């Protein structure tokens, strides 16, 4: 029982790696590289997280919102799969964080989120496909 209480307490504690702005920790945070920005959010990619399988790849993305969104969410880390031939993306998993870096939600993609979506030119997904698909 005590392990469960400690686990819950740790989830509620902010993680500087996911705080906005990103803080410093004794351990190293992922090296996020800015990949897309608009007035509402900025997306950062972690190139070290790329896993290729045939004509697809998976990558972890960090989304930082300009202001809090649903349920105090200020940032998120999501795992996406991209199909280079079909030019589509699918979200696999998402963890959302508040401004201090505490977990708000951690879950696999919902059924309406894990359908392949097209990557229109200029979209965040198109940027990832251009960066990581063979030319």
N, C-alpha and C. Protein backbone atom coordinates (compact mmCIF):
# COMPACT_ATOMS: atom_id res chain seq x y z
N UNK A 1 0.82 -1.20 0.00
CA UNK A 1 0.00 0.00 0.00
C UNK A 1 0.87 1.27 0.00
N UNK A 2 1.93 1.24 0.80
CA UNK A 2 2.80 2.41 0.87
C UNK A 2 3.46 2.69 -0.48
N UNK A 3 3.78 1.60 -1.24
CA UNK A 3 4.37 1.79 -2.56
C UNK A 3 3.41 2.52 -3.49
N UNK A 4 2.13 2.19 -3.38
CA UNK A 4 1.12 2.86 -4.20
C UNK A 4 1.04 4.34 -3.85
N UNK A 5 1.04 4.66 -2.57
CA UNK A 5 0.98 6.06 -2.14
C UNK A 5 2.21 6.83 -2.60
N UNK A 6 3.38 6.21 -2.52
CA UNK A 6 4.60 6.86 -3.00
C UNK A 6 4.53 7.09 -4.50
N UNK A 7 4.04 6.07 -5.22
CA UNK A 7 3.90 6.21 -6.67
C UNK A 7 2.97 7.34 -7.06
N UNK A 8 1.84 7.47 -6.36
CA UNK A 8 0.89 8.56 -6.63
C UNK A 8 1.54 9.90 -6.32
N UNK A 9 2.26 9.98 -5.23
CA UNK A 9 2.93 11.24 -4.87
C UNK A 9 3.97 11.63 -5.92
N UNK A 10 4.70 10.65 -6.44
CA UNK A 10 5.70 10.95 -7.47
C UNK A 10 5.05 11.45 -8.74
N UNK A 11 3.89 10.91 -9.09
CA UNK A 11 3.19 11.38 -10.29
C UNK A 11 2.75 12.83 -10.15
N UNK A 12 2.46 13.26 -8.93
CA UNK A 12 1.98 14.62 -8.71
C UNK A 12 3.11 15.63 -8.58
N UNK A 13 4.32 15.14 -8.41
CA UNK A 13 5.48 16.02 -8.31
C UNK A 13 5.90 16.43 -9.72
N UNK A 14 6.21 17.70 -9.89
CA UNK A 14 6.63 18.18 -11.20
C UNK A 14 7.99 17.65 -11.60
N UNK A 15 8.14 17.38 -12.87
CA UNK A 15 9.41 16.92 -13.45
C UNK A 15 9.99 18.09 -14.23
N UNK A 16 11.14 18.62 -13.82
CA UNK A 16 11.72 19.76 -14.53
C UNK A 16 11.91 19.53 -16.03
N UNK A 17 12.09 18.28 -16.45
CA UNK A 17 12.24 18.00 -17.89
C UNK A 17 10.97 18.33 -18.66
N UNK A 18 9.82 18.33 -17.98
CA UNK A 18 8.55 18.59 -18.65
C UNK A 18 7.93 19.91 -18.21
N UNK A 19 8.63 20.68 -17.39
CA UNK A 19 8.13 21.99 -16.97
C UNK A 19 8.23 22.96 -18.14
N UNK A 20 7.47 24.05 -18.04
CA UNK A 20 7.52 25.10 -19.06
C UNK A 20 7.89 26.39 -18.35
N UNK A 21 9.05 26.98 -18.57
CA UNK A 21 10.11 26.49 -19.46
C UNK A 21 10.80 25.27 -18.84
N UNK A 22 11.50 24.52 -19.71
CA UNK A 22 12.17 23.30 -19.27
C UNK A 22 13.23 23.65 -18.25
N UNK A 23 13.23 22.94 -17.13
CA UNK A 23 14.17 23.21 -16.05
C UNK A 23 15.41 22.36 -16.13
N UNK A 24 16.22 22.45 -15.09
CA UNK A 24 17.46 21.67 -14.99
C UNK A 24 17.26 20.55 -13.99
N UNK A 25 17.86 19.41 -14.25
CA UNK A 25 17.80 18.27 -13.32
C UNK A 25 19.19 17.67 -13.20
N UNK A 26 19.33 16.80 -12.21
CA UNK A 26 20.60 16.10 -12.05
C UNK A 26 20.81 15.12 -13.21
N UNK A 27 19.70 14.59 -13.73
CA UNK A 27 19.79 13.71 -14.90
C UNK A 27 19.58 14.57 -16.13
N UNK A 28 19.91 14.03 -17.26
CA UNK A 28 19.74 14.82 -18.47
C UNK A 28 18.34 14.65 -19.04
N UNK A 29 17.77 15.72 -19.53
CA UNK A 29 16.48 15.71 -20.20
C UNK A 29 16.72 15.37 -21.67
N UNK A 30 15.68 14.86 -22.36
CA UNK A 30 15.85 14.61 -23.80
C UNK A 30 16.28 15.88 -24.54
N UNK A 31 17.03 15.71 -25.60
CA UNK A 31 17.47 16.84 -26.40
C UNK A 31 16.42 17.12 -27.48
N UNK A 32 15.46 17.97 -27.14
CA UNK A 32 14.38 18.31 -28.06
C UNK A 32 14.85 19.34 -29.06
N UNK A 33 14.46 19.18 -30.31
CA UNK A 33 14.82 20.13 -31.37
C UNK A 33 13.53 20.73 -31.93
N UNK A 34 13.46 22.04 -31.98
CA UNK A 34 12.26 22.70 -32.49
C UNK A 34 11.98 22.25 -33.91
N UNK A 35 10.72 21.84 -34.16
CA UNK A 35 10.36 21.32 -35.47
C UNK A 35 9.22 22.07 -36.13
N UNK A 36 8.42 22.78 -35.34
CA UNK A 36 7.26 23.48 -35.90
C UNK A 36 6.76 24.46 -34.85
N UNK A 37 6.30 25.62 -35.32
CA UNK A 37 5.78 26.63 -34.38
C UNK A 37 4.66 27.41 -35.03
N UNK A 38 3.62 27.68 -34.24
CA UNK A 38 2.59 28.64 -34.65
C UNK A 38 2.20 29.45 -33.41
N UNK A 39 1.15 30.24 -33.48
CA UNK A 39 0.78 31.11 -32.36
C UNK A 39 0.29 30.32 -31.14
N UNK A 40 -0.22 29.11 -31.35
CA UNK A 40 -0.81 28.32 -30.25
C UNK A 40 0.17 27.38 -29.56
N UNK A 41 1.15 26.85 -30.31
CA UNK A 41 2.04 25.84 -29.73
C UNK A 41 3.34 25.74 -30.53
N UNK A 42 4.32 25.08 -29.91
CA UNK A 42 5.56 24.74 -30.60
C UNK A 42 5.78 23.24 -30.41
N UNK A 43 6.22 22.58 -31.47
CA UNK A 43 6.49 21.14 -31.42
C UNK A 43 7.99 20.93 -31.50
N UNK A 44 8.47 20.08 -30.62
CA UNK A 44 9.88 19.72 -30.58
C UNK A 44 10.00 18.22 -30.86
N UNK A 45 10.98 17.82 -31.64
CA UNK A 45 11.22 16.41 -31.94
C UNK A 45 12.45 15.95 -31.17
N UNK A 46 12.46 14.69 -30.80
CA UNK A 46 13.63 14.07 -30.17
C UNK A 46 14.24 13.10 -31.19
N UNK A 47 15.22 13.54 -31.96
CA UNK A 47 15.81 12.67 -33.00
C UNK A 47 16.35 11.35 -32.45
N UNK A 48 16.79 11.33 -31.20
CA UNK A 48 17.33 10.10 -30.62
C UNK A 48 16.24 9.05 -30.40
N UNK A 49 14.97 9.46 -30.46
CA UNK A 49 13.88 8.52 -30.21
C UNK A 49 13.39 7.82 -31.48
N UNK A 50 13.93 8.18 -32.63
CA UNK A 50 13.44 7.61 -33.90
C UNK A 50 13.74 6.12 -33.98
N UNK A 51 12.69 5.35 -34.31
CA UNK A 51 12.82 3.91 -34.56
C UNK A 51 12.21 3.66 -35.93
N UNK A 52 13.03 3.13 -36.83
CA UNK A 52 12.57 2.86 -38.20
C UNK A 52 12.19 1.38 -38.36
N UNK A 53 11.09 1.16 -39.08
CA UNK A 53 10.64 -0.19 -39.42
C UNK A 53 10.15 -0.14 -40.85
N UNK A 54 10.93 -0.66 -41.79
CA UNK A 54 10.54 -0.61 -43.20
C UNK A 54 10.31 0.83 -43.63
N UNK A 55 9.13 1.10 -44.18
CA UNK A 55 8.80 2.44 -44.66
C UNK A 55 8.12 3.31 -43.63
N UNK A 56 8.19 2.91 -42.35
CA UNK A 56 7.60 3.73 -41.30
C UNK A 56 8.65 4.08 -40.27
N UNK A 57 8.34 5.08 -39.46
CA UNK A 57 9.19 5.40 -38.32
C UNK A 57 8.32 5.91 -37.19
N UNK A 58 8.80 5.73 -35.97
CA UNK A 58 8.16 6.29 -34.79
C UNK A 58 9.09 7.32 -34.19
N UNK A 59 8.50 8.35 -33.58
CA UNK A 59 9.28 9.41 -32.96
C UNK A 59 8.50 10.00 -31.80
N UNK A 60 9.22 10.48 -30.79
CA UNK A 60 8.61 11.19 -29.67
C UNK A 60 8.64 12.68 -29.96
N UNK A 61 7.50 13.32 -29.74
CA UNK A 61 7.36 14.76 -29.96
C UNK A 61 6.92 15.42 -28.66
N UNK A 62 7.45 16.59 -28.39
CA UNK A 62 7.02 17.39 -27.25
C UNK A 62 6.27 18.59 -27.78
N UNK A 63 5.06 18.80 -27.27
CA UNK A 63 4.25 19.94 -27.67
C UNK A 63 4.17 20.89 -26.48
N UNK A 64 4.55 22.14 -26.69
CA UNK A 64 4.49 23.15 -25.63
C UNK A 64 3.49 24.20 -26.08
N UNK A 65 2.43 24.35 -25.28
CA UNK A 65 1.37 25.30 -25.60
C UNK A 65 1.72 26.69 -25.08
N UNK A 66 1.27 27.72 -25.79
CA UNK A 66 1.55 29.10 -25.39
C UNK A 66 0.86 29.45 -24.08
N UNK A 67 -0.24 28.77 -23.78
CA UNK A 67 -0.98 28.97 -22.53
C UNK A 67 -1.60 27.63 -22.14
N UNK A 68 -2.04 27.53 -20.89
CA UNK A 68 -2.69 26.30 -20.45
C UNK A 68 -3.88 25.99 -21.34
N UNK A 69 -4.07 24.71 -21.63
CA UNK A 69 -5.23 24.25 -22.40
C UNK A 69 -6.06 23.35 -21.48
N UNK A 70 -6.76 22.41 -22.01
CA UNK A 70 -7.67 21.57 -21.24
C UNK A 70 -7.01 21.00 -19.98
N UNK A 71 -7.70 21.12 -18.85
CA UNK A 71 -7.28 20.55 -17.56
C UNK A 71 -5.86 20.94 -17.17
N UNK A 72 -5.50 22.20 -17.29
CA UNK A 72 -4.19 22.73 -16.88
C UNK A 72 -3.04 22.23 -17.74
N UNK A 73 -3.31 21.55 -18.83
CA UNK A 73 -2.23 21.03 -19.68
C UNK A 73 -1.44 22.17 -20.29
N UNK A 74 -0.13 22.13 -20.11
CA UNK A 74 0.75 23.13 -20.69
C UNK A 74 1.73 22.54 -21.69
N UNK A 75 1.98 21.22 -21.55
CA UNK A 75 2.84 20.54 -22.52
C UNK A 75 2.42 19.08 -22.61
N UNK A 76 2.94 18.42 -23.63
CA UNK A 76 2.64 16.99 -23.82
C UNK A 76 3.81 16.34 -24.51
N UNK A 77 3.97 15.05 -24.26
CA UNK A 77 4.93 14.24 -25.01
C UNK A 77 4.11 13.13 -25.64
N UNK A 78 4.20 13.02 -26.95
CA UNK A 78 3.41 12.03 -27.68
C UNK A 78 4.32 11.18 -28.55
N UNK A 79 3.95 9.93 -28.69
CA UNK A 79 4.66 9.00 -29.57
C UNK A 79 3.82 8.87 -30.83
N UNK A 80 4.43 9.12 -31.99
CA UNK A 80 3.73 9.05 -33.28
C UNK A 80 4.40 8.06 -34.20
N UNK A 81 3.59 7.44 -35.08
CA UNK A 81 4.13 6.60 -36.15
C UNK A 81 3.81 7.29 -37.47
N UNK A 82 4.81 7.39 -38.33
CA UNK A 82 4.66 8.02 -39.64
C UNK A 82 4.88 6.98 -40.73
N UNK A 83 4.07 7.05 -41.77
CA UNK A 83 4.21 6.17 -42.93
C UNK A 83 4.73 7.02 -44.09
N UNK A 84 5.95 6.73 -44.52
CA UNK A 84 6.59 7.55 -45.55
C UNK A 84 5.90 7.44 -46.90
N UNK A 85 5.44 6.24 -47.26
CA UNK A 85 4.79 6.06 -48.57
C UNK A 85 3.38 6.65 -48.59
N UNK A 86 2.62 6.40 -47.54
CA UNK A 86 1.23 6.89 -47.49
C UNK A 86 1.15 8.36 -47.08
N UNK A 87 2.26 8.91 -46.54
CA UNK A 87 2.31 10.30 -46.07
C UNK A 87 1.25 10.55 -45.00
N UNK A 88 1.22 9.65 -43.99
CA UNK A 88 0.25 9.74 -42.91
C UNK A 88 0.95 9.65 -41.56
N UNK A 89 0.21 10.02 -40.52
CA UNK A 89 0.71 9.89 -39.15
C UNK A 89 -0.39 9.33 -38.26
N UNK A 90 0.05 8.66 -37.21
CA UNK A 90 -0.86 8.09 -36.21
C UNK A 90 -0.27 8.36 -34.84
N UNK A 91 -1.08 8.90 -33.92
CA UNK A 91 -0.62 9.05 -32.55
C UNK A 91 -0.80 7.72 -31.83
N UNK A 92 0.24 7.30 -31.10
CA UNK A 92 0.21 6.02 -30.39
C UNK A 92 -0.03 6.19 -28.89
N UNK A 93 0.60 7.21 -28.31
CA UNK A 93 0.54 7.41 -26.85
C UNK A 93 0.75 8.89 -26.56
N UNK A 94 0.16 9.37 -25.47
CA UNK A 94 0.36 10.76 -25.07
C UNK A 94 0.38 10.89 -23.55
N UNK A 95 1.29 11.70 -23.08
CA UNK A 95 1.34 12.08 -21.68
C UNK A 95 1.30 13.60 -21.64
N UNK A 96 0.34 14.15 -20.88
CA UNK A 96 0.23 15.60 -20.77
C UNK A 96 0.72 16.05 -19.39
N UNK A 97 1.22 17.29 -19.34
CA UNK A 97 1.83 17.83 -18.13
C UNK A 97 1.31 19.23 -17.85
N UNK A 98 1.30 19.61 -16.57
CA UNK A 98 1.00 21.00 -16.23
C UNK A 98 2.28 21.82 -16.35
N UNK A 99 2.21 23.12 -16.06
CA UNK A 99 3.37 24.00 -16.25
C UNK A 99 4.56 23.61 -15.38
N UNK A 100 4.31 22.96 -14.23
CA UNK A 100 5.40 22.55 -13.34
C UNK A 100 6.00 21.22 -13.75
N UNK A 101 5.39 20.53 -14.73
CA UNK A 101 5.90 19.25 -15.19
C UNK A 101 5.23 18.05 -14.53
N UNK A 102 4.16 18.27 -13.76
CA UNK A 102 3.43 17.15 -13.15
C UNK A 102 2.50 16.53 -14.19
N UNK A 103 2.38 15.21 -14.15
CA UNK A 103 1.52 14.49 -15.10
C UNK A 103 0.06 14.86 -14.89
N UNK A 104 -0.61 15.24 -15.97
CA UNK A 104 -2.05 15.48 -15.96
C UNK A 104 -2.77 14.22 -16.44
N UNK A 105 -2.26 13.63 -17.53
CA UNK A 105 -2.87 12.43 -18.10
C UNK A 105 -1.79 11.63 -18.82
N UNK A 106 -1.89 10.30 -18.73
CA UNK A 106 -0.95 9.41 -19.41
C UNK A 106 -1.78 8.27 -19.98
N UNK A 107 -1.82 8.17 -21.31
CA UNK A 107 -2.70 7.17 -21.92
C UNK A 107 -2.27 6.83 -23.35
N UNK A 108 -2.75 5.68 -23.81
CA UNK A 108 -2.62 5.34 -25.22
C UNK A 108 -3.63 6.15 -26.01
N UNK A 109 -3.41 6.26 -27.30
CA UNK A 109 -4.32 7.02 -28.16
C UNK A 109 -5.72 6.41 -28.12
N UNK A 110 -6.72 7.28 -28.13
CA UNK A 110 -8.11 6.82 -28.19
C UNK A 110 -8.42 6.35 -29.60
N UNK A 111 -9.50 5.62 -29.75
CA UNK A 111 -9.82 5.04 -31.06
C UNK A 111 -9.93 6.09 -32.16
N UNK A 112 -10.47 7.27 -31.84
CA UNK A 112 -10.58 8.30 -32.88
C UNK A 112 -9.26 9.04 -33.12
N UNK A 113 -8.26 8.79 -32.29
CA UNK A 113 -6.96 9.43 -32.44
C UNK A 113 -5.95 8.54 -33.15
N UNK A 114 -6.22 7.23 -33.22
CA UNK A 114 -5.20 6.36 -33.79
C UNK A 114 -5.51 5.91 -35.22
N UNK A 115 -6.37 6.67 -35.89
CA UNK A 115 -6.59 6.44 -37.32
C UNK A 115 -5.54 7.25 -38.09
N UNK A 116 -5.00 6.71 -39.17
CA UNK A 116 -4.00 7.46 -39.95
C UNK A 116 -4.57 8.78 -40.47
N UNK A 117 -3.82 9.84 -40.27
CA UNK A 117 -4.21 11.17 -40.74
C UNK A 117 -3.27 11.62 -41.85
N UNK A 118 -3.80 12.27 -42.88
CA UNK A 118 -2.92 12.77 -43.94
C UNK A 118 -2.04 13.91 -43.42
N UNK A 119 -0.94 14.15 -44.09
CA UNK A 119 0.00 15.21 -43.72
C UNK A 119 -0.01 16.29 -44.80
N UNK A 120 -0.91 17.27 -44.68
CA UNK A 120 -0.94 18.32 -45.70
C UNK A 120 0.37 19.10 -45.73
N UNK A 121 0.74 19.65 -46.88
CA UNK A 121 1.96 20.46 -46.96
C UNK A 121 1.94 21.57 -45.90
N UNK A 122 3.08 21.76 -45.25
CA UNK A 122 3.21 22.80 -44.24
C UNK A 122 2.73 22.41 -42.85
N UNK A 123 2.16 21.22 -42.71
CA UNK A 123 1.66 20.77 -41.41
C UNK A 123 2.81 20.23 -40.55
N UNK A 124 2.60 20.11 -39.23
CA UNK A 124 3.64 19.50 -38.39
C UNK A 124 4.02 18.09 -38.86
N UNK A 125 3.04 17.31 -39.29
CA UNK A 125 3.34 15.95 -39.76
C UNK A 125 4.17 15.98 -41.03
N UNK A 126 3.88 16.90 -41.94
CA UNK A 126 4.66 17.01 -43.17
C UNK A 126 6.12 17.35 -42.85
N UNK A 127 6.33 18.16 -41.82
CA UNK A 127 7.69 18.52 -41.41
C UNK A 127 8.44 17.27 -40.94
N UNK A 128 7.78 16.41 -40.15
CA UNK A 128 8.43 15.19 -39.67
C UNK A 128 8.72 14.22 -40.81
N UNK A 129 7.76 14.08 -41.72
CA UNK A 129 7.98 13.20 -42.88
C UNK A 129 9.15 13.69 -43.72
N UNK A 130 9.26 14.99 -43.94
CA UNK A 130 10.36 15.53 -44.73
C UNK A 130 11.70 15.31 -44.03
N UNK A 131 11.69 15.38 -42.71
CA UNK A 131 12.94 15.25 -41.96
C UNK A 131 13.45 13.81 -41.85
N UNK A 132 12.53 12.83 -41.78
CA UNK A 132 12.96 11.48 -41.44
C UNK A 132 12.68 10.41 -42.50
N UNK A 133 11.99 10.75 -43.58
CA UNK A 133 11.77 9.77 -44.65
C UNK A 133 12.92 9.81 -45.64
N UNK A 134 13.25 8.66 -46.22
CA UNK A 134 14.32 8.66 -47.24
C UNK A 134 13.92 9.54 -48.41
N UNK A 135 14.89 10.16 -49.01
CA UNK A 135 14.62 11.04 -50.15
C UNK A 135 14.92 10.34 -51.44
